[in-house]
C-alpha atoms as a PDB file:
ATOM      1  CA  UNK A   1     -11.889 -17.481  -1.901  1.00  0.00           C
ATOM      2  CA  UNK A   2      -8.620 -16.130  -3.201  1.00  0.00           C
ATOM      3  CA  UNK A   3     -10.175 -12.689  -3.638  1.00  0.00           C
ATOM      4  CA  UNK A   4     -10.962 -12.519   0.073  1.00  0.00           C
ATOM      5  CA  UNK A   5      -7.294 -12.677   0.956  1.00  0.00           C
ATOM      6  CA  UNK A   6      -6.064 -10.632  -1.955  1.00  0.00           C
ATOM      7  CA  UNK A   7      -8.280  -7.591  -1.599  1.00  0.00           C
ATOM      8  CA  UNK A   8      -6.812  -7.021   1.837  1.00  0.00           C
ATOM      9  CA  UNK A   9      -3.606  -6.199  -0.048  1.00  0.00           C
ATOM     10  CA  UNK A  10      -5.210  -3.054  -1.446  1.00  0.00           C
ATOM     11  CA  UNK A  11      -4.797  -1.262   1.846  1.00  0.00           C
ATOM     12  CA  UNK A  12      -1.078  -0.563   1.955  1.00  0.00           C
ATOM     13  CA  UNK A  13      -0.230   1.145   5.202  1.00  0.00           C
ATOM     14  CA  UNK A  14       0.676   0.226   8.793  1.00  0.00           C
ATOM     15  CA  UNK A  15      -1.016  -2.944  10.062  1.00  0.00           C
ATOM     16  CA  UNK A  16      -2.438  -3.814  13.464  1.00  0.00           C
ATOM     17  CA  UNK A  17      -3.321  -6.752  15.720  1.00  0.00           C
ATOM     18  CA  UNK A  18      -6.844  -5.606  16.565  1.00  0.00           C
ATOM     19  CA  UNK A  19      -9.331  -3.017  15.332  1.00  0.00           C
ATOM     20  CA  UNK A  20      -8.591  -0.067  17.618  1.00  0.00           C
ATOM     21  CA  UNK A  21     -10.635   3.010  16.901  1.00  0.00           C
ATOM     22  CA  UNK A  22      -7.511   5.166  16.503  1.00  0.00           C
ATOM     23  CA  UNK A  23      -6.099   2.992  13.682  1.00  0.00           C
ATOM     24  CA  UNK A  24      -8.146   3.612  10.517  1.00  0.00           C
ATOM     25  CA  UNK A  25      -6.534   0.758   8.541  1.00  0.00           C
ATOM     26  CA  UNK A  26      -7.192  -1.822  11.244  1.00  0.00           C
ATOM     27  CA  UNK A  27     -10.763  -0.575  11.613  1.00  0.00           C
ATOM     28  CA  UNK A  28     -11.290  -0.691   7.831  1.00  0.00           C
ATOM     29  CA  UNK A  29      -9.844  -4.209   7.525  1.00  0.00           C
ATOM     30  CA  UNK A  30     -11.887  -5.477  10.462  1.00  0.00           C
ATOM     31  CA  UNK A  31     -15.092  -4.105   8.903  1.00  0.00           C
ATOM     32  CA  UNK A  32     -14.247  -5.331   5.380  1.00  0.00           C
ATOM     33  CA  UNK A  33     -16.735  -7.882   3.974  1.00  0.00           C
ATOM     34  CA  UNK A  34     -15.741  -9.935   0.951  1.00  0.00           C
ATOM     35  CA  UNK A  35     -17.908 -12.443  -0.896  1.00  0.00           C
ATOM     36  CA  UNK A  36     -16.424 -15.870  -1.635  1.00  0.00           C
ATOM     37  CA  UNK A  37     -17.053 -17.967  -4.730  1.00  0.00           C
ATOM     38  CA  UNK A  38     -19.183 -21.074  -4.211  1.00  0.00           C
ATOM     39  CA  UNK A  39     -17.470 -24.476  -3.945  1.00  0.00           C
ATOM     40  CA  UNK A  40     -19.115 -27.669  -5.166  1.00  0.00           C
ATOM     41  CA  UNK A  41     -17.626 -31.139  -5.298  1.00  0.00           C
ATOM     42  CA  UNK A  42     -18.095 -34.842  -4.686  1.00  0.00           C
ATOM     43  CA  UNK A  43     -16.743 -36.538  -1.557  1.00  0.00           C
ATOM     44  CA  UNK A  44     -17.177 -40.300  -1.141  1.00  0.00           C
ATOM     45  CA  UNK A  45     -20.470 -40.473  -3.067  1.00  0.00           C
ATOM     46  CA  UNK A  46     -21.933 -37.240  -1.686  1.00  0.00           C
ATOM     47  CA  UNK A  47     -22.491 -33.992  -3.562  1.00  0.00           C
ATOM     48  CA  UNK A  48     -21.181 -31.325  -1.198  1.00  0.00           C
ATOM     49  CA  UNK A  49     -21.320 -27.551  -1.410  1.00  0.00           C
ATOM     50  CA  UNK A  50     -20.052 -24.517   0.437  1.00  0.00           C
ATOM     51  CA  UNK A  51     -21.923 -21.421  -0.712  1.00  0.00           C
ATOM     52  CA  UNK A  52     -22.913 -17.827   0.099  1.00  0.00           C
ATOM     53  CA  UNK A  53     -19.604 -17.258   1.841  1.00  0.00           C
ATOM     54  CA  UNK A  54     -18.647 -13.894   3.280  1.00  0.00           C
ATOM     55  CA  UNK A  55     -15.339 -13.173   5.005  1.00  0.00           C
ATOM     56  CA  UNK A  56     -14.889 -10.372   7.495  1.00  0.00           C
ATOM     57  CA  UNK A  57     -12.947  -9.341  10.574  1.00  0.00           C
ATOM     58  CA  UNK A  58      -9.580  -9.229   8.825  1.00  0.00           C
ATOM     59  CA  UNK A  59      -6.663  -8.878  11.206  1.00  0.00           C
ATOM     60  CA  UNK A  60      -3.107  -8.366   9.988  1.00  0.00           C
ATOM     61  CA  UNK A  61       0.025  -8.675  12.132  1.00  0.00           C
ATOM     62  CA  UNK A  62       2.441  -7.390   9.514  1.00  0.00           C
ATOM     63  CA  UNK A  63       1.913  -5.523   6.256  1.00  0.00           C
ATOM     64  CA  UNK A  64       4.834  -4.545   4.075  1.00  0.00           C
ATOM     65  CA  UNK A  65       4.458  -2.565   0.863  1.00  0.00           C
ATOM     66  CA  UNK A  66       6.485  -0.798  -1.737  1.00  0.00           C
ATOM     67  CA  UNK A  67       5.366   1.584  -4.458  1.00  0.00           C
ATOM     68  CA  UNK A  68       4.351   5.164  -5.062  1.00  0.00           C
ATOM     69  CA  UNK A  69       1.178   7.139  -4.437  1.00  0.00           C
ATOM     70  CA  UNK A  70      -1.315   7.876  -7.195  1.00  0.00           C
ATOM     71  CA  UNK A  71      -1.993   5.507 -10.077  1.00  0.00           C
ATOM     72  CA  UNK A  72       0.713   3.000  -9.266  1.00  0.00           C
ATOM     73  CA  UNK A  73       1.517  -0.639  -8.793  1.00  0.00           C
ATOM     74  CA  UNK A  74       1.994  -1.567  -5.171  1.00  0.00           C
ATOM     75  CA  UNK A  75       3.736  -4.744  -4.078  1.00  0.00           C
ATOM     76  CA  UNK A  76       2.488  -5.945  -0.720  1.00  0.00           C
ATOM     77  CA  UNK A  77       3.068  -8.863   1.594  1.00  0.00           C
ATOM     78  CA  UNK A  78       0.986  -9.782   4.636  1.00  0.00           C
ATOM     79  CA  UNK A  79       2.095 -11.814   7.635  1.00  0.00           C
ATOM     80  CA  UNK A  80      -0.186 -13.108  10.374  1.00  0.00           C
ATOM     81  CA  UNK A  81      -3.391 -12.725   8.373  1.00  0.00           C
ATOM     82  CA  UNK A  82      -6.538 -13.770  10.194  1.00  0.00           C
ATOM     83  CA  UNK A  83     -10.187 -13.635   9.158  1.00  0.00           C
ATOM     84  CA  UNK A  84     -13.590 -15.164   9.762  1.00  0.00           C
ATOM     85  CA  UNK A  85     -15.801 -16.581   7.038  1.00  0.00           C
ATOM     86  CA  UNK A  86     -19.493 -17.478   7.316  1.00  0.00           C
ATOM     87  CA  UNK A  87     -20.744 -19.974   4.736  1.00  0.00           C
ATOM     88  CA  UNK A  88     -23.687 -22.236   4.082  1.00  0.00           C
ATOM     89  CA  UNK A  89     -23.058 -25.954   3.648  1.00  0.00           C
ATOM     90  CA  UNK A  90     -25.088 -28.745   2.131  1.00  0.00           C
ATOM     91  CA  UNK A  91     -24.708 -32.363   1.107  1.00  0.00           C
ATOM     92  CA  UNK A  92     -26.783 -34.915  -0.752  1.00  0.00           C
ATOM     93  CA  UNK A  93     -25.995 -38.591  -1.174  1.00  0.00           C
ATOM     94  CA  UNK A  94     -25.808 -39.582  -4.840  1.00  0.00           C
ATOM     95  CA  UNK A  95     -27.434 -42.995  -4.336  1.00  0.00           C
ATOM     96  CA  UNK A  96     -30.292 -44.450  -2.297  1.00  0.00           C
ATOM     97  CA  UNK A  97     -31.330 -43.531   0.396  1.00  0.00           C
ATOM     98  CA  UNK A  98     -30.248 -40.011  -0.760  1.00  0.00           C
ATOM     99  CA  UNK A  99     -29.346 -38.689   2.668  1.00  0.00           C
ATOM    100  CA  UNK A 100     -29.095 -34.906   2.720  1.00  0.00           C
ATOM    101  CA  UNK A 101     -28.565 -32.000   5.061  1.00  0.00           C
ATOM    102  CA  UNK A 102     -27.616 -28.364   5.243  1.00  0.00           C
ATOM    103  CA  UNK A 103     -26.709 -25.587   7.613  1.00  0.00           C
ATOM    104  CA  UNK A 104     -24.086 -22.943   8.311  1.00  0.00           C
ATOM    105  CA  UNK A 105     -20.382 -23.084   9.049  1.00  0.00           C
ATOM    106  CA  UNK A 106     -18.069 -20.486  10.561  1.00  0.00           C
ATOM    107  CA  UNK A 107     -14.451 -20.788   9.442  1.00  0.00           C
ATOM    108  CA  UNK A 108     -11.806 -18.964  11.438  1.00  0.00           C
ATOM    109  CA  UNK A 109      -8.472 -18.710   9.650  1.00  0.00           C
ATOM    110  CA  UNK A 110      -5.272 -17.620  11.370  1.00  0.00           C
ATOM    111  CA  UNK A 111      -1.557 -17.345  10.678  1.00  0.00           C
ATOM    112  CA  UNK A 112      -1.984 -17.111   6.899  1.00  0.00           C
ATOM    113  CA  UNK A 113       0.342 -15.175   4.601  1.00  0.00           C
ATOM    114  CA  UNK A 114      -0.277 -13.433   1.287  1.00  0.00           C
ATOM    115  CA  UNK A 115       1.681 -11.426  -1.255  1.00  0.00           C
ATOM    116  CA  UNK A 116       0.836  -9.760  -4.528  1.00  0.00           C
ATOM    117  CA  UNK A 117       0.768  -6.786  -6.795  1.00  0.00           C
ATOM    118  CA  UNK A 118      -2.094  -4.329  -6.827  1.00  0.00           C
ATOM    119  CA  UNK A 119      -2.694  -1.316  -9.060  1.00  0.00           C
ATOM    120  CA  UNK A 120      -4.174   1.413  -6.884  1.00  0.00           C
ATOM    121  CA  UNK A 121      -5.550   4.847  -7.654  1.00  0.00           C
ATOM    122  CA  UNK A 122      -6.853   7.595  -5.448  1.00  0.00           C
ATOM    123  CA  UNK A 123      -8.407  11.006  -5.652  1.00  0.00           C
ATOM    124  CA  UNK A 124      -6.113  12.540  -3.046  1.00  0.00           C
ATOM    125  CA  UNK A 125      -9.004  13.186  -0.667  1.00  0.00           C
ATOM    126  CA  UNK A 126      -9.073   9.774   1.021  1.00  0.00           C
ATOM    127  CA  UNK A 127      -6.649   7.991   3.292  1.00  0.00           C
ATOM    128  CA  UNK A 128      -7.191   4.734   1.373  1.00  0.00           C
ATOM    129  CA  UNK A 129      -7.175   3.947  -2.348  1.00  0.00           C
ATOM    130  CA  UNK A 130     -10.317   4.872  -4.270  1.00  0.00           C
ATOM    131  CA  UNK A 131      -9.865   1.833  -6.507  1.00  0.00           C
ATOM    132  CA  UNK A 132      -7.666  -1.245  -6.708  1.00  0.00           C
ATOM    133  CA  UNK A 133      -7.129  -3.945  -9.315  1.00  0.00           C
ATOM    134  CA  UNK A 134      -5.300  -7.168  -8.560  1.00  0.00           C
ATOM    135  CA  UNK A 135      -2.398  -8.125 -10.827  1.00  0.00           C
ATOM    136  CA  UNK A 136      -0.852 -11.086  -8.988  1.00  0.00           C
ATOM    137  CA  UNK A 137      -1.483 -13.052  -5.821  1.00  0.00           C
ATOM    138  CA  UNK A 138      -0.007 -15.887  -3.814  1.00  0.00           C
ATOM    139  CA  UNK A 139      -1.347 -16.938  -0.425  1.00  0.00           C
ATOM    140  CA  UNK A 140      -0.549 -19.704   2.022  1.00  0.00           C
ATOM    141  CA  UNK A 141      -3.081 -21.148   4.451  1.00  0.00           C
ATOM    142  CA  UNK A 142      -2.192 -24.134   6.610  1.00  0.00           C
ATOM    143  CA  UNK A 143      -5.227 -26.366   7.255  1.00  0.00           C
ATOM    144  CA  UNK A 144      -4.046 -26.708  10.873  1.00  0.00           C
ATOM    145  CA  UNK A 145      -4.882 -23.007  11.300  1.00  0.00           C
ATOM    146  CA  UNK A 146      -8.494 -23.296  10.111  1.00  0.00           C
ATOM    147  CA  UNK A 147     -11.139 -23.805  12.795  1.00  0.00           C
ATOM    148  CA  UNK A 148     -14.640 -24.834  11.720  1.00  0.00           C
ATOM    149  CA  UNK A 149     -17.948 -24.774  13.588  1.00  0.00           C
ATOM    150  CA  UNK A 150     -20.925 -26.387  11.839  1.00  0.00           C
ATOM    151  CA  UNK A 151     -24.576 -25.764  12.741  1.00  0.00           C
ATOM    152  CA  UNK A 152     -27.770 -26.958  11.075  1.00  0.00           C
ATOM    153  CA  UNK A 153     -29.349 -30.358  10.596  1.00  0.00           C
ATOM    154  CA  UNK A 154     -28.520 -33.444  12.617  1.00  0.00           C
ATOM    155  CA  UNK A 155     -25.379 -33.956  10.520  1.00  0.00           C
ATOM    156  CA  UNK A 156     -23.713 -30.783  11.905  1.00  0.00           C
ATOM    157  CA  UNK A 157     -22.034 -32.574  14.859  1.00  0.00           C
ATOM    158  CA  UNK A 158     -20.743 -35.237  12.475  1.00  0.00           C
ATOM    159  CA  UNK A 159     -19.371 -32.557  10.173  1.00  0.00           C
ATOM    160  CA  UNK A 160     -17.681 -30.897  13.138  1.00  0.00           C
ATOM    161  CA  UNK A 161     -15.919 -34.205  13.738  1.00  0.00           C
ATOM    162  CA  UNK A 162     -15.070 -34.640  10.053  1.00  0.00           C
ATOM    163  CA  UNK A 163     -14.112 -31.010   9.380  1.00  0.00           C
ATOM    164  CA  UNK A 164     -10.945 -32.199   7.664  1.00  0.00           C
ATOM    165  CA  UNK A 165     -12.882 -32.393   4.379  1.00  0.00           C
ATOM    166  CA  UNK A 166     -14.016 -28.781   4.597  1.00  0.00           C
ATOM    167  CA  UNK A 167     -10.514 -27.693   5.617  1.00  0.00           C
ATOM    168  CA  UNK A 168      -9.120 -29.484   2.588  1.00  0.00           C
ATOM    169  CA  UNK A 169     -11.541 -27.530   0.387  1.00  0.00           C
ATOM    170  CA  UNK A 170     -10.909 -24.139   2.051  1.00  0.00           C
ATOM    171  CA  UNK A 171      -7.100 -24.118   2.277  1.00  0.00           C
ATOM    172  CA  UNK A 172      -6.321 -24.445  -1.470  1.00  0.00           C
ATOM    173  CA  UNK A 173      -9.155 -22.076  -2.368  1.00  0.00           C
ATOM    174  CA  UNK A 174      -7.669 -19.321  -0.289  1.00  0.00           C
ATOM    175  CA  UNK A 175      -4.095 -20.015  -1.373  1.00  0.00           C
END
C-alpha cells in the first residue's frame, strides 16, 4: 500500500483540492490508479485477507518539492493527501464450523501526509515526468481518518461495525 501514496510524489508541481479541468496535475492525480499489495493475516482465529486493491481519486492540499528538471532527484512532501481504495475482503474461521465470507470494501483516506525522494526523468515534451523511481518514503495515516464501507455476504454489516481491524491493517501499510 505504501506505493499508492509514494507514487503520487512523482508529480512535483502545484497541488489542488479538487480535479478541475484547468489544473492538469490535479486531473492527473485524480485519475491515477495504483495497485495495492495483498494483505493476509490472522485475527482471533480467522484467516483474513484484503486483496485486489486499487487506489484512485488522489487529492492533495499541499505539495512542496525541491530539485531540478531532467534526470534529477526530487524531494517532495505532501500535506492533506486523500484517496479512495477499492479492495476485496475475505475471512475463514480456522476451526469448526469454518465460518467464511467475502465481499468488497471501499476505504476513504483523508488528511494523510507523505514525504520522500524520487528520481525523475523526462523527454522535455511532457508536462509530467516520463519516468520516476522511488528512493525513500515516509507516510503518516491516522486510523481516525480512514472510513470503511463493507459490502458482500451477511458478515458485511458486522465488518462495518468492527472496521477497526481493517483500519489497523491499512494504516501501517500505507505509512
